[in-house]
Protein backbone atom coordinates (compact mmCIF):
# COMPACT_ATOMS: atom_id res chain seq x y z
CA MET A 1 -53.76 -145.98 -28.92
CA THR A 2 -56.65 -144.25 -28.14
CA ASN A 3 -54.62 -140.73 -27.93
CA ASN A 4 -53.41 -141.43 -31.35
CA ILE A 5 -56.36 -141.62 -33.12
CA THR A 6 -57.55 -138.64 -31.60
CA ASN A 7 -54.33 -136.74 -32.62
CA ILE A 8 -54.76 -137.81 -36.20
CA VAL A 9 -58.64 -137.25 -36.24
CA ARG A 10 -57.46 -133.54 -35.10
CA ASN A 11 -54.72 -133.36 -37.58
CA LEU A 12 -57.09 -134.17 -40.33
CA PHE A 13 -59.43 -131.83 -39.40
CA LYS A 14 -57.09 -129.07 -38.92
CA THR A 15 -55.77 -130.02 -42.80
CA ILE A 16 -59.25 -130.08 -44.22
CA GLY A 17 -59.94 -126.79 -42.43
CA ALA A 18 -56.62 -125.08 -43.70
CA ILE A 19 -57.89 -126.64 -47.22
CA ILE A 20 -61.15 -124.96 -47.26
CA ILE A 21 -59.97 -121.45 -46.28
CA ILE A 22 -57.41 -121.82 -48.93
CA PHE A 23 -60.26 -122.67 -51.38
CA LEU A 24 -62.64 -120.09 -50.28
CA PHE A 25 -59.49 -117.69 -50.51
CA SER A 26 -58.75 -118.32 -53.92
CA ILE A 27 -62.07 -118.02 -55.12
CA TRP A 28 -62.59 -114.22 -53.56
CA PHE A 29 -59.26 -113.49 -55.02
CA ILE A 30 -60.01 -114.60 -58.34
CA GLY A 31 -63.31 -112.78 -58.46
CA SER A 32 -61.97 -109.28 -56.94
CA ASP A 33 -60.02 -106.99 -59.15
CA TYR A 34 -56.71 -107.68 -57.52
CA PRO A 35 -55.32 -110.01 -60.42
CA GLN A 36 -56.44 -107.35 -63.02
CA ILE A 37 -54.42 -104.46 -60.83
CA ILE A 38 -51.29 -107.18 -60.57
CA LYS A 39 -51.17 -107.56 -63.94
CA ASN A 40 -51.16 -103.87 -64.78
CA ARG A 41 -48.17 -103.56 -62.77
CA TYR A 42 -46.10 -105.48 -64.98
CA PHE A 43 -47.75 -104.64 -68.01
CA THR A 44 -45.36 -101.91 -69.84
CA GLY A 45 -47.58 -101.11 -72.78
CA PRO A 46 -48.53 -98.98 -75.11
CA ILE A 47 -51.86 -100.30 -75.92
CA ASN A 48 -52.26 -100.56 -79.75
CA ASN A 49 -55.43 -102.71 -80.62
CA TYR A 50 -58.82 -102.16 -79.59
CA MET A 51 -62.11 -103.54 -80.96
CA ASN A 52 -59.89 -105.66 -83.32
CA VAL A 53 -58.67 -103.01 -84.96
CA SER A 54 -55.09 -101.58 -84.75
CA ILE A 55 -53.33 -98.07 -84.81
CA GLY A 56 -51.97 -97.86 -87.63
CA ASP A 57 -54.23 -99.99 -89.93
CA THR A 58 -55.23 -98.36 -92.93
CA ARG A 59 -58.72 -97.33 -94.07
CA ALA A 60 -58.80 -100.84 -96.49
CA GLU A 61 -57.55 -102.98 -93.27
CA VAL A 62 -60.37 -101.52 -91.21
CA LEU A 63 -63.12 -102.14 -93.83
CA TYR A 64 -61.74 -105.63 -94.32
CA LYS A 65 -61.57 -106.36 -90.36
CA LEU A 66 -64.99 -104.45 -89.70
CA GLY A 67 -66.80 -104.02 -92.92
CA ARG A 68 -68.50 -100.86 -94.15
CA PRO A 69 -69.45 -98.53 -91.38
CA PRO A 70 -72.88 -97.47 -90.79
CA TYR A 71 -71.83 -93.82 -90.44
CA VAL A 72 -68.82 -91.27 -91.30
CA PHE A 73 -68.20 -87.65 -90.14
CA GLY A 74 -67.78 -84.59 -92.24
CA PRO A 75 -64.69 -82.36 -91.55
CA LEU A 76 -64.10 -81.67 -87.99
CA ASN A 77 -64.94 -78.04 -86.66
CA GLY A 78 -63.98 -76.40 -83.28
CA CYS A 79 -62.50 -79.88 -82.26
CA THR A 80 -59.48 -81.12 -80.79
CA ASP A 81 -57.94 -84.22 -79.23
CA ASP A 82 -58.07 -83.28 -75.69
CA LYS A 83 -61.99 -81.48 -76.07
CA PRO A 84 -63.50 -84.01 -78.00
CA TRP A 85 -66.68 -82.43 -76.64
CA LYS A 86 -66.41 -79.69 -78.43
CA CYS A 87 -66.91 -81.24 -81.85
CA ASP A 88 -68.97 -79.44 -84.55
CA ARG A 89 -69.51 -81.83 -87.25
CA ILE A 90 -71.55 -83.54 -89.99
CA VAL A 91 -72.90 -87.17 -89.30
CA TYR A 92 -73.64 -89.21 -92.51
CA SER A 93 -75.49 -92.32 -92.64
CA THR A 94 -74.05 -95.02 -95.15
CA ASP A 95 -77.44 -96.89 -95.21
CA GLU A 96 -78.78 -97.48 -98.67
CA LYS A 97 -81.62 -95.80 -98.06
CA SER A 98 -80.00 -92.36 -97.24
CA LEU A 99 -79.34 -89.74 -99.75
CA ASP A 100 -75.79 -89.28 -99.05
CA SER A 101 -75.47 -92.97 -99.72
CA ALA A 102 -74.18 -92.73 -102.99
CA LYS A 103 -71.81 -89.56 -102.33
CA ILE A 104 -70.28 -91.97 -99.06
CA ASP A 105 -69.73 -94.94 -101.44
CA LYS A 106 -67.65 -92.73 -103.83
CA ASP A 107 -65.68 -90.60 -101.05
CA ILE A 108 -65.32 -93.16 -98.41
CA LYS A 109 -61.69 -92.75 -98.28
CA PHE A 110 -62.19 -88.81 -97.48
CA TYR A 111 -63.99 -89.10 -94.13
CA GLU A 112 -61.91 -88.74 -91.08
CA ILE A 113 -64.01 -90.40 -88.94
CA TYR A 114 -65.91 -94.05 -89.08
CA GLU A 115 -68.45 -94.80 -86.58
CA TYR A 116 -69.24 -98.39 -85.91
CA GLU A 117 -71.69 -100.58 -83.81
CA LYS A 118 -71.03 -104.18 -83.27
CA TYR A 119 -73.49 -106.48 -81.57
CA ASP A 120 -72.56 -108.89 -79.07
CA GLY A 121 -75.38 -108.85 -76.62
CA LEU A 122 -75.37 -105.24 -76.12
CA LYS A 123 -74.55 -102.58 -78.82
CA ASN A 124 -71.06 -101.48 -78.84
CA SER A 125 -70.47 -98.09 -80.49
CA PHE A 126 -67.01 -97.01 -81.38
CA MET A 127 -65.14 -94.36 -83.29
CA ILE A 128 -62.18 -94.73 -85.42
CA SER A 129 -60.33 -91.51 -86.72
CA PHE A 130 -57.84 -91.62 -89.57
CA ASP A 131 -54.66 -89.35 -89.79
CA LYS A 132 -53.12 -87.52 -93.29
CA ASN A 133 -51.77 -90.78 -94.00
CA ASN A 134 -55.05 -92.60 -93.76
CA GLU A 135 -54.08 -94.85 -91.28
CA VAL A 136 -55.56 -95.13 -87.89
CA ARG A 137 -54.83 -92.51 -85.59
CA THR A 138 -57.13 -93.17 -82.36
CA ILE A 139 -59.96 -95.67 -81.59
CA THR A 140 -62.59 -94.22 -79.02
CA CYS A 141 -65.11 -95.94 -77.33
CA LEU A 142 -68.35 -94.51 -76.76
CA LYS A 143 -70.67 -97.36 -75.96
CA PHE A 144 -70.67 -100.92 -74.29
CA CYS A 145 -67.29 -101.52 -75.76
CA ASP A 146 -64.35 -104.05 -74.17
CA ALA A 147 -62.89 -103.12 -70.88
CA VAL A 148 -59.31 -101.61 -71.11
CA LEU A 149 -56.79 -102.94 -68.27
CA GLY A 150 -59.92 -103.48 -66.06
CA ILE A 151 -61.74 -100.29 -66.31
CA ASN A 152 -65.12 -99.79 -68.44
CA LEU A 153 -67.51 -96.91 -69.46
CA ASN A 154 -68.78 -95.87 -65.79
CA SER A 155 -65.79 -96.74 -63.89
CA ASP A 156 -65.20 -94.40 -61.04
CA GLU A 157 -61.94 -92.05 -61.19
CA SER A 158 -60.84 -93.73 -58.22
CA ASP A 159 -60.84 -97.04 -60.26
CA LEU A 160 -58.52 -95.34 -62.66
CA ARG A 161 -56.16 -94.92 -59.92
CA ARG A 162 -56.50 -98.16 -58.52
CA PHE A 163 -55.98 -99.88 -61.45
CA LEU A 164 -53.40 -98.22 -63.20
CA GLY A 165 -51.77 -95.81 -60.91
CA ASP A 166 -51.13 -92.21 -61.44
CA PRO A 167 -51.70 -90.58 -64.50
CA SER A 168 -49.30 -88.64 -67.15
CA ILE A 169 -51.81 -85.60 -67.35
CA SER A 170 -55.15 -84.70 -65.17
CA GLU A 171 -57.33 -81.87 -66.27
CA VAL A 172 -60.32 -80.42 -65.79
CA SER A 173 -61.75 -78.08 -68.60
CA ALA A 174 -63.15 -74.52 -67.13
CA ASP A 175 -65.65 -74.58 -69.82
CA SER A 176 -67.34 -77.77 -69.89
CA GLY A 177 -66.18 -79.26 -66.62
CA ILE A 178 -64.96 -82.24 -68.37
CA LYS A 179 -62.06 -84.14 -66.88
CA THR A 180 -59.64 -85.62 -68.93
CA ILE A 181 -56.82 -87.98 -67.53
CA SER A 182 -54.25 -89.34 -69.67
CA TYR A 183 -51.66 -92.34 -69.49
CA ARG A 184 -48.93 -92.03 -71.68
CA LYS A 185 -47.24 -95.55 -71.34
CA PHE A 186 -50.61 -97.33 -72.03
CA ASN A 187 -51.63 -95.07 -74.78
CA LEU A 188 -54.86 -94.12 -73.35
CA THR A 189 -56.97 -90.84 -72.45
CA PHE A 190 -60.27 -91.17 -70.36
CA TYR A 191 -63.20 -88.31 -70.21
CA LEU A 192 -65.16 -88.00 -67.40
CA THR A 193 -67.98 -86.30 -65.84
CA LYS A 194 -69.53 -86.29 -62.50
CA MET A 195 -66.57 -88.60 -61.16
CA LYS A 196 -66.99 -91.43 -63.98
CA VAL A 197 -65.56 -92.27 -66.99
CA TYR A 198 -67.75 -91.72 -70.61
CA LEU A 199 -65.34 -91.92 -73.25
CA ILE A 200 -62.22 -93.98 -73.61
CA ARG A 201 -59.55 -93.58 -76.44
CA ILE A 202 -56.30 -95.41 -77.72
CA GLY A 203 -53.83 -93.56 -79.53
CA PRO A 204 -51.73 -90.55 -78.72
CA ASP A 205 -52.26 -87.31 -76.95
CA ASP A 206 -51.09 -84.22 -78.30
CA ARG A 207 -50.42 -83.12 -75.31
CA PHE A 208 -47.15 -85.06 -74.97
CA SER A 209 -45.60 -83.96 -78.14
């Protein structure tokens, strides 16, 4: 009788111990990067929606979803999709007190890029570019934007490979030292300096054409 009780107690402690181990492992696993990494492995892409805007949205749809952009960009000079840091452009404020406000209201549909700011605890900043058909071509995160497949601004280069695997293209500019890493299947391009992401762009990469 005593032996049976001892065995029951021993088995009970083993069961409780196993439950505790499983519980602690589950908490660790959920809080780790592995759920996102596993999810990415089964995600076929591409990503076409970001910050409530979709690739292919018309200007009217963007204005409906996000309202009036606080900034618009004039014609781009010396700028290409793979070298955005070389852009030379005039930025106009759409604030009603701005001297450019009246002109911008009239001609807003002619500006190639809108820049938006959203306040959600932090001030998010992102740019939307339009193609010749006045449809969204790219969405670029500048500051405090939503994570994309587990990648944020300031993520390490090693995080890209860990979360997304091997890129389609990885190049370093001899002029600027900026590294461009693109994932064609995800429709994503990352720009890095000092081995960290500082720009995230959703949209086509002309180098795949």
